[in-house]
Amino acid sequence: RACLHGFQVWQDDVNGPIKPNGKSALINCPLAPGGQCRTAVQKAVKEDCTTLVRTLGDLFGRDRLYLTTVAFGPPTENFQVLQDMAAVLPRSSFQKLGLSANSLRTAFSSISSTLSTMTSESAGTS
């Protein structure tokens, strides 16, 4: 997503320096120094994502819709948008796994168990 000035501020700057962690620097908007555009794009994406979840909740019933967001990445990464998306609905959850395959297996088992429970609940109310 581009900033208001048309710059893709979340893309790697292929001509820029490599950071000490080995990652490329991100493109900066030259019209708004200090990362203002990157912050604005981040906020807009968060609002878009949470609005979509809220709309789905309104359409299907917030108490009936269950959303699990799963963060699979380094523990230092920021997964706030996924956490915020899950927080929109009362029966949803957010799981931050790190990079462990065992954690991923546990998360999918938990999701599967939740789906089974919800299927049973739905069958009982039909």
Foldseek 3Di string as FASTA:
>chain_A
DAFPVGHPQAAFPPPADQDPVRHGHGDDDPVDPDCPRVVVVVVVVLVVLLVVLLVVCVVPPLQLDEEEAEAEAAPPDDPVSNQSNQVSGPRYYYYYQHHDPVSVVVVVVVVVVVVVVSVVVVVVVD
